[in-house]
Amino acid sequence: MGIKERKELEKQGMRKLILDTAMKLFLEKGFENITIRNIAEQIEYSPATIYLYFKDKDEILYTLHYEGFEELYRRQLKTLTIKDPLERLHMHARMYVSFGMENPEYYDLMFIKRAPIKTINEMKLKKIKDWNIGKRSYDLLRKNIEDCMEAGAFKKTNVDVAAFSLWSYVHGIVSLIIMDRCAMFPQERMDDIVNGALNFMQESMSFKNIEINKRSKN
């Protein structure tokens, strides 16, 4: 390995150290309560070192948020190879759950913590850097549901309402798991429980289930 490659690896390592440390501090103490100096002290470097990589803590938060959505979207793109819309939607939801379970800190920062989300929304209006990746993740879910409706698997209704409902349902699953609110379920059963919950939601939205409910009321 040459000097140039070694320096690049060192640079990437320092950048990751800053981001990982900042995320830990943001989640533990709150974004507003953390300064660049706090992050520098935690990694035992001077604040000047951090400013070589990020211009302020807002940019650090923005980068964490962006990279989280980038990874989530990358996983969800894998579902596009599945032709059956119902199977694709199930896998889409499964990818979302696995992302949250494998990256609880990212998920907490992206979807749960209130203060960082407010800051991110304000920063979106100021940043030149593309922010479409967050919306693209939602649009992919929306398109999957739309395909299910077109295929006759789901009743045709407001796509955004259906997408929001499914997103809320899956978000609830992830939140309960990463916040350790599932102690009543043995760890070895969690995978089956998650799959069962996703199947239940999917069946509840299905056209077949709607027709059965209609007949039962008549």
N, C-alpha and C. Protein backbone atom coordinates (compact mmCIF):
# COMPACT_ATOMS: atom_id res chain seq x y z
N MET A 1 0.84 -1.20 0.00
CA MET A 1 0.00 0.00 0.00
C MET A 1 0.88 1.25 0.00
N GLY A 2 0.57 2.18 -0.91
CA GLY A 2 1.35 3.40 -1.02
C GLY A 2 0.99 4.41 0.05
N ILE A 3 1.77 5.48 0.11
CA ILE A 3 1.54 6.53 1.10
C ILE A 3 0.19 7.19 0.89
N LYS A 4 -0.17 7.44 -0.37
CA LYS A 4 -1.43 8.10 -0.69
C LYS A 4 -2.62 7.26 -0.22
N GLU A 5 -2.57 5.94 -0.51
CA GLU A 5 -3.66 5.06 -0.11
C GLU A 5 -3.76 4.96 1.42
N ARG A 6 -2.59 4.92 2.08
CA ARG A 6 -2.58 4.83 3.54
C ARG A 6 -3.19 6.09 4.17
N LYS A 7 -2.86 7.24 3.62
CA LYS A 7 -3.40 8.50 4.13
C LYS A 7 -4.91 8.57 3.93
N GLU A 8 -5.37 8.04 2.80
CA GLU A 8 -6.80 8.05 2.53
C GLU A 8 -7.54 7.15 3.51
N LEU A 9 -6.96 6.00 3.82
CA LEU A 9 -7.56 5.10 4.80
C LEU A 9 -7.61 5.74 6.19
N GLU A 10 -6.54 6.43 6.54
CA GLU A 10 -6.49 7.12 7.83
C GLU A 10 -7.55 8.22 7.88
N LYS A 11 -7.71 8.91 6.77
CA LYS A 11 -8.71 9.98 6.70
C LYS A 11 -10.12 9.40 6.86
N GLN A 12 -10.39 8.30 6.17
CA GLN A 12 -11.70 7.65 6.28
C GLN A 12 -11.94 7.14 7.70
N GLY A 13 -10.88 6.62 8.32
CA GLY A 13 -11.00 6.12 9.68
C GLY A 13 -11.32 7.23 10.67
N MET A 14 -10.67 8.38 10.52
CA MET A 14 -10.94 9.51 11.39
C MET A 14 -12.35 10.04 11.19
N ARG A 15 -12.78 10.11 9.95
CA ARG A 15 -14.14 10.58 9.65
C ARG A 15 -15.18 9.68 10.31
N LYS A 16 -14.96 8.37 10.20
CA LYS A 16 -15.89 7.41 10.81
C LYS A 16 -15.87 7.54 12.33
N LEU A 17 -14.70 7.74 12.91
CA LEU A 17 -14.59 7.89 14.36
C LEU A 17 -15.37 9.11 14.83
N ILE A 18 -15.25 10.20 14.10
CA ILE A 18 -15.98 11.43 14.45
C ILE A 18 -17.49 11.19 14.37
N LEU A 19 -17.93 10.57 13.28
CA LEU A 19 -19.36 10.33 13.09
C LEU A 19 -19.92 9.38 14.15
N ASP A 20 -19.21 8.29 14.41
CA ASP A 20 -19.68 7.32 15.41
C ASP A 20 -19.76 7.94 16.80
N THR A 21 -18.75 8.73 17.14
CA THR A 21 -18.72 9.37 18.45
C THR A 21 -19.81 10.42 18.58
N ALA A 22 -19.98 11.21 17.53
CA ALA A 22 -21.02 12.24 17.54
C ALA A 22 -22.40 11.62 17.68
N MET A 23 -22.66 10.55 16.95
CA MET A 23 -23.97 9.90 17.03
C MET A 23 -24.23 9.41 18.45
N LYS A 24 -23.24 8.81 19.07
CA LYS A 24 -23.39 8.32 20.44
C LYS A 24 -23.71 9.48 21.40
N LEU A 25 -23.02 10.59 21.25
CA LEU A 25 -23.24 11.74 22.13
C LEU A 25 -24.59 12.40 21.86
N PHE A 26 -24.97 12.52 20.57
CA PHE A 26 -26.26 13.12 20.23
C PHE A 26 -27.41 12.34 20.87
N LEU A 27 -27.29 11.01 20.81
CA LEU A 27 -28.36 10.16 21.34
C LEU A 27 -28.39 10.15 22.87
N GLU A 28 -27.22 10.20 23.47
CA GLU A 28 -27.14 10.14 24.94
C GLU A 28 -27.53 11.45 25.61
N LYS A 29 -27.07 12.58 25.02
CA LYS A 29 -27.22 13.87 25.71
C LYS A 29 -28.07 14.89 24.96
N GLY A 30 -28.45 14.56 23.73
CA GLY A 30 -29.25 15.50 22.95
C GLY A 30 -28.38 16.36 22.05
N PHE A 31 -28.83 16.56 20.83
CA PHE A 31 -28.06 17.31 19.84
C PHE A 31 -27.71 18.71 20.33
N GLU A 32 -28.68 19.42 20.92
CA GLU A 32 -28.47 20.80 21.34
C GLU A 32 -27.45 20.91 22.47
N ASN A 33 -27.24 19.83 23.21
CA ASN A 33 -26.34 19.88 24.37
C ASN A 33 -24.91 19.49 24.04
N ILE A 34 -24.65 19.15 22.79
CA ILE A 34 -23.32 18.70 22.39
C ILE A 34 -22.63 19.75 21.53
N THR A 35 -21.35 19.97 21.78
CA THR A 35 -20.55 20.91 21.00
C THR A 35 -19.44 20.15 20.27
N ILE A 36 -18.81 20.83 19.34
CA ILE A 36 -17.67 20.25 18.64
C ILE A 36 -16.58 19.89 19.65
N ARG A 37 -16.41 20.73 20.66
CA ARG A 37 -15.40 20.47 21.68
C ARG A 37 -15.70 19.18 22.45
N ASN A 38 -16.98 18.94 22.73
CA ASN A 38 -17.37 17.70 23.42
C ASN A 38 -16.96 16.48 22.60
N ILE A 39 -17.22 16.55 21.30
CA ILE A 39 -16.86 15.43 20.41
C ILE A 39 -15.36 15.25 20.38
N ALA A 40 -14.63 16.37 20.28
CA ALA A 40 -13.17 16.32 20.23
C ALA A 40 -12.59 15.71 21.50
N GLU A 41 -13.13 16.10 22.64
CA GLU A 41 -12.64 15.56 23.92
C GLU A 41 -12.88 14.05 24.01
N GLN A 42 -14.00 13.61 23.47
CA GLN A 42 -14.34 12.19 23.53
C GLN A 42 -13.36 11.35 22.72
N ILE A 43 -12.91 11.86 21.58
CA ILE A 43 -11.99 11.10 20.73
C ILE A 43 -10.53 11.48 21.00
N GLU A 44 -10.33 12.41 21.96
CA GLU A 44 -8.99 12.84 22.38
C GLU A 44 -8.21 13.48 21.24
N TYR A 45 -8.90 14.35 20.51
CA TYR A 45 -8.26 15.19 19.50
C TYR A 45 -8.70 16.63 19.74
N SER A 46 -8.05 17.56 19.08
CA SER A 46 -8.43 18.96 19.23
C SER A 46 -9.64 19.27 18.35
N PRO A 47 -10.44 20.29 18.72
CA PRO A 47 -11.56 20.70 17.87
C PRO A 47 -11.13 21.01 16.44
N ALA A 48 -9.91 21.54 16.30
CA ALA A 48 -9.41 21.89 14.96
C ALA A 48 -9.38 20.68 14.05
N THR A 49 -9.11 19.51 14.61
CA THR A 49 -9.07 18.28 13.81
C THR A 49 -10.44 17.98 13.22
N ILE A 50 -11.47 18.15 14.02
CA ILE A 50 -12.83 17.88 13.54
C ILE A 50 -13.22 18.86 12.45
N TYR A 51 -12.78 20.11 12.59
CA TYR A 51 -13.11 21.11 11.58
C TYR A 51 -12.43 20.85 10.24
N LEU A 52 -11.46 19.96 10.22
CA LEU A 52 -10.85 19.56 8.95
C LEU A 52 -11.80 18.67 8.15
N TYR A 53 -12.77 18.07 8.85
CA TYR A 53 -13.69 17.13 8.21
C TYR A 53 -15.11 17.68 8.09
N PHE A 54 -15.52 18.46 9.06
CA PHE A 54 -16.89 19.01 9.07
C PHE A 54 -16.84 20.47 9.52
N LYS A 55 -17.65 21.30 8.89
CA LYS A 55 -17.58 22.73 9.22
C LYS A 55 -18.29 23.06 10.53
N ASP A 56 -19.26 22.22 10.95
CA ASP A 56 -19.95 22.44 12.22
C ASP A 56 -20.70 21.17 12.60
N LYS A 57 -21.33 21.19 13.76
CA LYS A 57 -22.03 19.98 14.21
C LYS A 57 -23.29 19.73 13.39
N ASP A 58 -23.86 20.77 12.79
CA ASP A 58 -25.01 20.58 11.91
C ASP A 58 -24.65 19.69 10.73
N GLU A 59 -23.47 19.92 10.18
CA GLU A 59 -23.03 19.10 9.04
C GLU A 59 -22.79 17.66 9.47
N ILE A 60 -22.33 17.47 10.69
CA ILE A 60 -22.14 16.11 11.20
C ILE A 60 -23.49 15.40 11.30
N LEU A 61 -24.46 16.08 11.87
CA LEU A 61 -25.80 15.49 11.99
C LEU A 61 -26.40 15.21 10.63
N TYR A 62 -26.25 16.16 9.72
CA TYR A 62 -26.78 16.00 8.37
C TYR A 62 -26.16 14.77 7.70
N THR A 63 -24.84 14.62 7.86
CA THR A 63 -24.14 13.49 7.25
C THR A 63 -24.62 12.16 7.82
N LEU A 64 -24.81 12.11 9.13
CA LEU A 64 -25.33 10.89 9.76
C LEU A 64 -26.71 10.54 9.23
N HIS A 65 -27.56 11.55 9.14
CA HIS A 65 -28.92 11.35 8.65
C HIS A 65 -28.90 10.88 7.20
N TYR A 66 -28.10 11.53 6.39
CA TYR A 66 -28.02 11.20 4.97
C TYR A 66 -27.49 9.78 4.75
N GLU A 67 -26.43 9.43 5.46
CA GLU A 67 -25.84 8.10 5.29
C GLU A 67 -26.78 7.01 5.76
N GLY A 68 -27.57 7.30 6.79
CA GLY A 68 -28.56 6.33 7.24
C GLY A 68 -29.60 6.05 6.18
N PHE A 69 -30.15 7.11 5.58
CA PHE A 69 -31.14 6.93 4.53
C PHE A 69 -30.54 6.29 3.29
N GLU A 70 -29.29 6.58 3.02
CA GLU A 70 -28.62 5.99 1.87
C GLU A 70 -28.52 4.47 2.02
N GLU A 71 -28.16 4.02 3.23
CA GLU A 71 -28.06 2.58 3.48
C GLU A 71 -29.43 1.91 3.44
N LEU A 72 -30.44 2.57 4.01
CA LEU A 72 -31.80 2.02 3.98
C LEU A 72 -32.29 1.88 2.55
N TYR A 73 -32.08 2.90 1.74
CA TYR A 73 -32.52 2.89 0.35
C TYR A 73 -31.77 1.82 -0.45
N ARG A 74 -30.48 1.67 -0.18
CA ARG A 74 -29.69 0.66 -0.88
C ARG A 74 -30.25 -0.74 -0.63
N ARG A 75 -30.65 -1.00 0.59
CA ARG A 75 -31.23 -2.30 0.92
C ARG A 75 -32.58 -2.49 0.23
N GLN A 76 -33.39 -1.46 0.25
CA GLN A 76 -34.73 -1.57 -0.33
C GLN A 76 -34.70 -1.73 -1.84
N LEU A 77 -33.66 -1.21 -2.48
CA LEU A 77 -33.54 -1.37 -3.93
C LEU A 77 -33.44 -2.84 -4.34
N LYS A 78 -32.94 -3.67 -3.45
CA LYS A 78 -32.80 -5.09 -3.76
C LYS A 78 -34.15 -5.76 -4.00
N THR A 79 -35.23 -5.16 -3.50
CA THR A 79 -36.55 -5.76 -3.67
C THR A 79 -37.05 -5.65 -5.11
N LEU A 80 -36.45 -4.78 -5.90
CA LEU A 80 -36.93 -4.54 -7.27
C LEU A 80 -36.76 -5.75 -8.17
N THR A 81 -35.93 -6.70 -7.76
CA THR A 81 -35.74 -7.91 -8.57
C THR A 81 -36.89 -8.90 -8.39
N ILE A 82 -37.76 -8.66 -7.41
CA ILE A 82 -38.90 -9.56 -7.13
C ILE A 82 -40.09 -9.12 -7.97
N LYS A 83 -40.60 -10.01 -8.82
CA LYS A 83 -41.68 -9.65 -9.74
C LYS A 83 -43.04 -9.58 -9.07
N ASP A 84 -43.34 -10.53 -8.20
CA ASP A 84 -44.64 -10.54 -7.54
C ASP A 84 -44.74 -9.34 -6.59
N PRO A 85 -45.73 -8.46 -6.77
CA PRO A 85 -45.81 -7.24 -5.96
C PRO A 85 -46.01 -7.50 -4.47
N LEU A 86 -46.78 -8.54 -4.11
CA LEU A 86 -46.98 -8.85 -2.70
C LEU A 86 -45.69 -9.34 -2.04
N GLU A 87 -44.99 -10.22 -2.75
CA GLU A 87 -43.71 -10.71 -2.23
C GLU A 87 -42.72 -9.56 -2.11
N ARG A 88 -42.74 -8.68 -3.11
CA ARG A 88 -41.83 -7.53 -3.11
C ARG A 88 -42.11 -6.61 -1.93
N LEU A 89 -43.40 -6.37 -1.67
CA LEU A 89 -43.78 -5.50 -0.57
C LEU A 89 -43.38 -6.11 0.78
N HIS A 90 -43.58 -7.42 0.91
CA HIS A 90 -43.19 -8.09 2.15
C HIS A 90 -41.69 -7.96 2.37
N MET A 91 -40.91 -8.17 1.31
CA MET A 91 -39.46 -8.07 1.44
C MET A 91 -39.03 -6.63 1.71
N HIS A 92 -39.75 -5.68 1.11
CA HIS A 92 -39.47 -4.26 1.36
C HIS A 92 -39.61 -3.97 2.86
N ALA A 93 -40.71 -4.44 3.44
CA ALA A 93 -40.94 -4.22 4.87
C ALA A 93 -39.89 -4.96 5.71
N ARG A 94 -39.54 -6.16 5.26
CA ARG A 94 -38.54 -6.94 5.98
C ARG A 94 -37.18 -6.24 5.96
N MET A 95 -36.83 -5.64 4.82
CA MET A 95 -35.58 -4.90 4.70
C MET A 95 -35.56 -3.71 5.66
N TYR A 96 -36.71 -3.07 5.78
CA TYR A 96 -36.83 -1.92 6.68
C TYR A 96 -36.60 -2.36 8.13
N VAL A 97 -37.24 -3.46 8.51
CA VAL A 97 -37.10 -3.97 9.87
C VAL A 97 -35.66 -4.39 10.15
N SER A 98 -35.05 -5.09 9.21
CA SER A 98 -33.67 -5.55 9.42
C SER A 98 -32.71 -4.38 9.53
N PHE A 99 -32.95 -3.33 8.74
CA PHE A 99 -32.10 -2.14 8.84
C PHE A 99 -32.17 -1.56 10.25
N GLY A 100 -33.39 -1.41 10.77
CA GLY A 100 -33.56 -0.84 12.10
C GLY A 100 -32.94 -1.70 13.19
N MET A 101 -33.11 -3.02 13.08
CA MET A 101 -32.58 -3.93 14.09
C MET A 101 -31.05 -3.99 14.07
N GLU A 102 -30.49 -3.89 12.88
CA GLU A 102 -29.03 -3.96 12.75
C GLU A 102 -28.35 -2.61 12.97
N ASN A 103 -29.12 -1.52 12.86
CA ASN A 103 -28.56 -0.18 13.02
C ASN A 103 -29.44 0.66 13.95
N PRO A 104 -29.60 0.21 15.21
CA PRO A 104 -30.51 0.91 16.12
C PRO A 104 -30.15 2.36 16.37
N GLU A 105 -28.84 2.68 16.40
CA GLU A 105 -28.45 4.07 16.64
C GLU A 105 -28.86 4.96 15.47
N TYR A 106 -28.59 4.49 14.26
CA TYR A 106 -29.00 5.24 13.07
C TYR A 106 -30.52 5.42 13.07
N TYR A 107 -31.24 4.34 13.33
CA TYR A 107 -32.70 4.39 13.27
C TYR A 107 -33.24 5.37 14.31
N ASP A 108 -32.68 5.32 15.49
CA ASP A 108 -33.11 6.23 16.55
C ASP A 108 -32.93 7.68 16.11
N LEU A 109 -31.79 7.97 15.52
CA LEU A 109 -31.50 9.33 15.08
C LEU A 109 -32.38 9.75 13.90
N MET A 110 -32.66 8.81 13.00
CA MET A 110 -33.43 9.12 11.78
C MET A 110 -34.92 9.28 12.04
N PHE A 111 -35.48 8.45 12.94
CA PHE A 111 -36.94 8.37 13.03
C PHE A 111 -37.55 8.60 14.41
N ILE A 112 -36.74 8.61 15.46
CA ILE A 112 -37.32 8.66 16.80
C ILE A 112 -37.00 9.95 17.55
N LYS A 113 -35.74 10.32 17.62
CA LYS A 113 -35.36 11.50 18.38
C LYS A 113 -35.99 12.76 17.80
N ARG A 114 -36.65 13.52 18.65
CA ARG A 114 -37.41 14.69 18.19
C ARG A 114 -36.53 15.87 17.80
N ALA A 115 -35.60 16.24 18.65
CA ALA A 115 -34.79 17.43 18.40
C ALA A 115 -33.96 17.34 17.12
N PRO A 116 -33.23 16.23 16.88
CA PRO A 116 -32.48 16.14 15.63
C PRO A 116 -33.35 16.24 14.40
N ILE A 117 -34.57 15.67 14.43
CA ILE A 117 -35.45 15.73 13.28
C ILE A 117 -35.82 17.17 12.98
N LYS A 118 -36.10 17.95 14.03
CA LYS A 118 -36.43 19.37 13.84
C LYS A 118 -35.24 20.09 13.21
N THR A 119 -34.04 19.80 13.69
CA THR A 119 -32.85 20.43 13.14
C THR A 119 -32.63 20.04 11.69
N ILE A 120 -32.85 18.75 11.39
CA ILE A 120 -32.69 18.28 10.02
C ILE A 120 -33.66 18.99 9.09
N ASN A 121 -34.90 19.14 9.50
CA ASN A 121 -35.90 19.82 8.67
C ASN A 121 -35.49 21.25 8.37
N GLU A 122 -34.90 21.92 9.35
CA GLU A 122 -34.43 23.29 9.14
C GLU A 122 -33.24 23.31 8.20
N MET A 123 -32.38 22.31 8.32
CA MET A 123 -31.18 22.26 7.50
C MET A 123 -31.49 21.93 6.05
N LYS A 124 -32.56 21.19 5.80
CA LYS A 124 -32.93 20.84 4.43
C LYS A 124 -33.14 22.09 3.59
N LEU A 125 -33.63 23.15 4.22
CA LEU A 125 -33.93 24.38 3.51
C LEU A 125 -32.66 25.16 3.16
N LYS A 126 -31.55 24.82 3.83
CA LYS A 126 -30.31 25.58 3.66
C LYS A 126 -29.26 24.84 2.85
N LYS A 127 -29.32 23.52 2.87
CA LYS A 127 -28.25 22.73 2.26
C LYS A 127 -28.43 22.61 0.74
N ILE A 128 -27.30 22.64 0.05
CA ILE A 128 -27.31 22.43 -1.40
C ILE A 128 -27.27 20.93 -1.70
N LYS A 129 -26.65 20.16 -0.81
CA LYS A 129 -26.51 18.71 -1.01
C LYS A 129 -27.86 18.05 -1.21
N ASP A 130 -27.92 17.14 -2.17
CA ASP A 130 -29.18 16.46 -2.51
C ASP A 130 -29.78 15.75 -1.30
N TRP A 131 -31.08 15.95 -1.08
CA TRP A 131 -31.77 15.29 0.02
C TRP A 131 -32.84 14.34 -0.50
N ASN A 132 -32.85 14.08 -1.81
CA ASN A 132 -33.90 13.25 -2.38
C ASN A 132 -33.88 11.81 -1.88
N ILE A 133 -32.78 11.38 -1.31
CA ILE A 133 -32.68 9.97 -0.94
C ILE A 133 -33.69 9.58 0.13
N GLY A 134 -34.04 10.49 1.02
CA GLY A 134 -35.06 10.20 2.01
C GLY A 134 -36.42 10.00 1.38
N LYS A 135 -36.76 10.88 0.43
CA LYS A 135 -38.04 10.79 -0.26
C LYS A 135 -38.08 9.58 -1.18
N ARG A 136 -36.94 9.24 -1.77
CA ARG A 136 -36.90 8.08 -2.67
C ARG A 136 -37.25 6.79 -1.94
N SER A 137 -36.85 6.70 -0.69
CA SER A 137 -37.18 5.51 0.10
C SER A 137 -38.69 5.38 0.27
N TYR A 138 -39.34 6.51 0.54
CA TYR A 138 -40.80 6.50 0.67
C TYR A 138 -41.46 6.23 -0.68
N ASP A 139 -40.94 6.85 -1.74
CA ASP A 139 -41.53 6.66 -3.07
C ASP A 139 -41.46 5.20 -3.51
N LEU A 140 -40.40 4.51 -3.09
CA LEU A 140 -40.27 3.09 -3.43
C LEU A 140 -41.36 2.28 -2.75
N LEU A 141 -41.63 2.59 -1.49
CA LEU A 141 -42.72 1.93 -0.77
C LEU A 141 -44.05 2.24 -1.44
N ARG A 142 -44.25 3.48 -1.78
CA ARG A 142 -45.50 3.92 -2.41
C ARG A 142 -45.74 3.18 -3.73
N LYS A 143 -44.66 3.03 -4.52
CA LYS A 143 -44.77 2.34 -5.81
C LYS A 143 -45.08 0.87 -5.60
N ASN A 144 -44.50 0.25 -4.60
CA ASN A 144 -44.79 -1.16 -4.31
C ASN A 144 -46.26 -1.37 -3.98
N ILE A 145 -46.81 -0.48 -3.17
CA ILE A 145 -48.23 -0.58 -2.80
C ILE A 145 -49.11 -0.32 -4.02
N GLU A 146 -48.72 0.63 -4.82
CA GLU A 146 -49.47 0.94 -6.05
C GLU A 146 -49.50 -0.27 -6.98
N ASP A 147 -48.37 -0.97 -7.08
CA ASP A 147 -48.30 -2.18 -7.91
C ASP A 147 -49.22 -3.27 -7.36
N CYS A 148 -49.31 -3.38 -6.04
CA CYS A 148 -50.22 -4.36 -5.43
C CYS A 148 -51.67 -4.03 -5.78
N MET A 149 -52.00 -2.76 -5.80
CA MET A 149 -53.36 -2.34 -6.17
C MET A 149 -53.63 -2.63 -7.64
N GLU A 150 -52.67 -2.33 -8.49
CA GLU A 150 -52.84 -2.58 -9.92
C GLU A 150 -52.97 -4.07 -10.22
N ALA A 151 -52.31 -4.89 -9.42
CA ALA A 151 -52.37 -6.35 -9.63
C ALA A 151 -53.63 -6.96 -9.03
N GLY A 152 -54.43 -6.15 -8.34
CA GLY A 152 -55.65 -6.65 -7.73
C GLY A 152 -55.46 -7.28 -6.37
N ALA A 153 -54.26 -7.17 -5.82
CA ALA A 153 -53.99 -7.74 -4.50
C ALA A 153 -54.56 -6.87 -3.39
N PHE A 154 -54.53 -5.56 -3.60
CA PHE A 154 -55.09 -4.61 -2.64
C PHE A 154 -56.23 -3.84 -3.30
N LYS A 155 -57.20 -3.46 -2.50
CA LYS A 155 -58.27 -2.60 -2.99
C LYS A 155 -57.67 -1.24 -3.36
N LYS A 156 -58.13 -0.68 -4.49
CA LYS A 156 -57.62 0.62 -4.90
C LYS A 156 -58.17 1.70 -3.96
N THR A 157 -57.26 2.39 -3.34
CA THR A 157 -57.61 3.46 -2.40
C THR A 157 -56.52 4.51 -2.47
N ASN A 158 -56.53 5.46 -1.56
CA ASN A 158 -55.50 6.49 -1.53
C ASN A 158 -54.15 5.84 -1.23
N VAL A 159 -53.23 5.93 -2.18
CA VAL A 159 -51.95 5.24 -2.04
C VAL A 159 -51.14 5.80 -0.88
N ASP A 160 -51.19 7.11 -0.69
CA ASP A 160 -50.41 7.70 0.40
C ASP A 160 -50.93 7.27 1.77
N VAL A 161 -52.25 7.13 1.89
CA VAL A 161 -52.82 6.66 3.15
C VAL A 161 -52.36 5.23 3.43
N ALA A 162 -52.39 4.39 2.39
CA ALA A 162 -51.96 3.00 2.55
C ALA A 162 -50.47 2.92 2.88
N ALA A 163 -49.67 3.74 2.19
CA ALA A 163 -48.22 3.74 2.43
C ALA A 163 -47.90 4.22 3.84
N PHE A 164 -48.59 5.28 4.26
CA PHE A 164 -48.37 5.81 5.61
C PHE A 164 -48.77 4.78 6.67
N SER A 165 -49.87 4.07 6.42
CA SER A 165 -50.34 3.06 7.37
C SER A 165 -49.33 1.94 7.53
N LEU A 166 -48.82 1.44 6.39
CA LEU A 166 -47.85 0.36 6.44
C LEU A 166 -46.55 0.83 7.08
N TRP A 167 -46.11 2.01 6.71
CA TRP A 167 -44.88 2.57 7.29
C TRP A 167 -45.01 2.70 8.81
N SER A 168 -46.16 3.23 9.26
CA SER A 168 -46.39 3.40 10.69
C SER A 168 -46.36 2.06 11.42
N TYR A 169 -46.95 1.05 10.79
CA TYR A 169 -47.01 -0.29 11.38
C TYR A 169 -45.61 -0.87 11.53
N VAL A 170 -44.83 -0.79 10.45
CA VAL A 170 -43.49 -1.36 10.48
C VAL A 170 -42.58 -0.55 11.40
N HIS A 171 -42.76 0.77 11.40
CA HIS A 171 -41.98 1.63 12.30
C HIS A 171 -42.25 1.24 13.76
N GLY A 172 -43.50 0.92 14.06
CA GLY A 172 -43.84 0.50 15.41
C GLY A 172 -43.12 -0.78 15.81
N ILE A 173 -43.03 -1.72 14.87
CA ILE A 173 -42.32 -2.98 15.13
C ILE A 173 -40.86 -2.70 15.47
N VAL A 174 -40.21 -1.90 14.62
CA VAL A 174 -38.79 -1.59 14.82
C VAL A 174 -38.58 -0.85 16.14
N SER A 175 -39.42 0.14 16.40
CA SER A 175 -39.27 0.95 17.62
C SER A 175 -39.39 0.09 18.87
N LEU A 176 -40.37 -0.80 18.90
CA LEU A 176 -40.55 -1.68 20.06
C LEU A 176 -39.33 -2.56 20.28
N ILE A 177 -38.75 -3.04 19.19
CA ILE A 177 -37.60 -3.93 19.29
C ILE A 177 -36.37 -3.18 19.78
N ILE A 178 -36.04 -2.07 19.13
CA ILE A 178 -34.78 -1.38 19.47
C ILE A 178 -34.86 -0.65 20.81
N MET A 179 -36.09 -0.38 21.27
CA MET A 179 -36.24 0.26 22.58
C MET A 179 -36.43 -0.77 23.70
N ASP A 180 -36.19 -2.04 23.35
CA ASP A 180 -36.27 -3.15 24.32
C ASP A 180 -37.63 -3.24 25.00
N ARG A 181 -38.68 -3.17 24.19
CA ARG A 181 -40.04 -3.28 24.72
C ARG A 181 -40.68 -4.62 24.38
N CYS A 182 -39.85 -5.60 24.00
CA CYS A 182 -40.38 -6.91 23.61
C CYS A 182 -39.86 -8.02 24.51
N ALA A 183 -39.61 -7.68 25.76
CA ALA A 183 -39.04 -8.66 26.69
C ALA A 183 -39.95 -9.86 26.92
N MET A 184 -41.25 -9.70 26.66
CA MET A 184 -42.18 -10.81 26.88
C MET A 184 -42.02 -11.91 25.82
N PHE A 185 -41.30 -11.61 24.74
CA PHE A 185 -41.09 -12.60 23.68
C PHE A 185 -39.66 -13.14 23.76
N PRO A 186 -39.49 -14.46 23.75
CA PRO A 186 -38.14 -15.03 23.74
C PRO A 186 -37.37 -14.55 22.51
N GLN A 187 -36.10 -14.25 22.67
CA GLN A 187 -35.29 -13.72 21.58
C GLN A 187 -35.29 -14.64 20.37
N GLU A 188 -35.28 -15.96 20.63
CA GLU A 188 -35.23 -16.91 19.52
C GLU A 188 -36.52 -16.94 18.70
N ARG A 189 -37.60 -16.33 19.22
CA ARG A 189 -38.87 -16.30 18.50
C ARG A 189 -39.10 -14.98 17.76
N MET A 190 -38.22 -14.00 17.97
CA MET A 190 -38.47 -12.67 17.43
C MET A 190 -38.58 -12.66 15.91
N ASP A 191 -37.76 -13.45 15.24
CA ASP A 191 -37.80 -13.46 13.78
C ASP A 191 -39.15 -13.96 13.28
N ASP A 192 -39.67 -15.03 13.89
CA ASP A 192 -40.98 -15.56 13.51
C ASP A 192 -42.09 -14.57 13.85
N ILE A 193 -41.96 -13.89 14.97
CA ILE A 193 -42.98 -12.92 15.38
C ILE A 193 -43.02 -11.74 14.42
N VAL A 194 -41.85 -11.26 14.02
CA VAL A 194 -41.79 -10.15 13.06
C VAL A 194 -42.39 -10.56 11.73
N ASN A 195 -42.03 -11.73 11.24
CA ASN A 195 -42.60 -12.21 9.97
C ASN A 195 -44.11 -12.38 10.08
N GLY A 196 -44.56 -12.90 11.21
CA GLY A 196 -46.00 -13.06 11.42
C GLY A 196 -46.72 -11.73 11.45
N ALA A 197 -46.11 -10.74 12.09
CA ALA A 197 -46.72 -9.40 12.16
C ALA A 197 -46.80 -8.77 10.77
N LEU A 198 -45.75 -8.95 9.97
CA LEU A 198 -45.77 -8.41 8.61
C LEU A 198 -46.82 -9.11 7.76
N ASN A 199 -46.94 -10.43 7.91
CA ASN A 199 -47.96 -11.18 7.17
C ASN A 199 -49.36 -10.72 7.58
N PHE A 200 -49.55 -10.49 8.87
CA PHE A 200 -50.85 -10.04 9.37
C PHE A 200 -51.23 -8.69 8.76
N MET A 201 -50.29 -7.77 8.71
CA MET A 201 -50.56 -6.45 8.13
C MET A 201 -50.86 -6.58 6.65
N GLN A 202 -50.09 -7.40 5.97
CA GLN A 202 -50.28 -7.58 4.53
C GLN A 202 -51.64 -8.19 4.23
N GLU A 203 -52.03 -9.18 5.00
CA GLU A 203 -53.34 -9.82 4.81
C GLU A 203 -54.47 -8.87 5.14
N SER A 204 -54.27 -8.00 6.12
CA SER A 204 -55.29 -7.03 6.49
C SER A 204 -55.54 -6.03 5.37
N MET A 205 -54.50 -5.76 4.58
CA MET A 205 -54.62 -4.81 3.48
C MET A 205 -55.09 -5.46 2.19
N SER A 206 -55.13 -6.79 2.16
CA SER A 206 -55.40 -7.50 0.91
C SER A 206 -56.85 -7.37 0.48
N PHE A 207 -57.06 -7.43 -0.82
CA PHE A 207 -58.40 -7.33 -1.41
C PHE A 207 -59.26 -8.50 -0.95
N LYS A 208 -58.66 -9.68 -0.85
CA LYS A 208 -59.39 -10.88 -0.44
C LYS A 208 -59.97 -10.69 0.96
N ASN A 209 -59.18 -10.13 1.86
CA ASN A 209 -59.64 -9.92 3.23
C ASN A 209 -60.78 -8.91 3.29
N ILE A 210 -60.71 -7.90 2.43
CA ILE A 210 -61.77 -6.89 2.38
C ILE A 210 -63.08 -7.52 1.94
N GLU A 211 -63.03 -8.40 0.95
CA GLU A 211 -64.24 -9.06 0.45
C GLU A 211 -64.85 -9.96 1.52
N ILE A 212 -64.00 -10.65 2.29
CA ILE A 212 -64.49 -11.52 3.36
C ILE A 212 -65.19 -10.68 4.43
N ASN A 213 -64.61 -9.54 4.77
CA ASN A 213 -65.21 -8.66 5.77
C ASN A 213 -66.56 -8.13 5.30
N LYS A 214 -66.67 -7.83 4.00
CA LYS A 214 -67.93 -7.33 3.45
C LYS A 214 -69.02 -8.38 3.57
N ARG A 215 -68.68 -9.64 3.26
CA ARG A 215 -69.66 -10.72 3.30
C ARG A 215 -70.11 -10.98 4.73
N SER A 216 -69.18 -10.84 5.68
CA SER A 216 -69.53 -11.11 7.07
C SER A 216 -70.48 -10.07 7.64
N LYS A 217 -70.48 -8.88 7.05
CA LYS A 217 -71.37 -7.81 7.52
C LYS A 217 -72.76 -7.91 6.92
N ASN A 218 -72.88 -8.61 5.79
CA ASN A 218 -74.18 -8.71 5.10
C ASN A 218 -75.06 -9.82 5.69
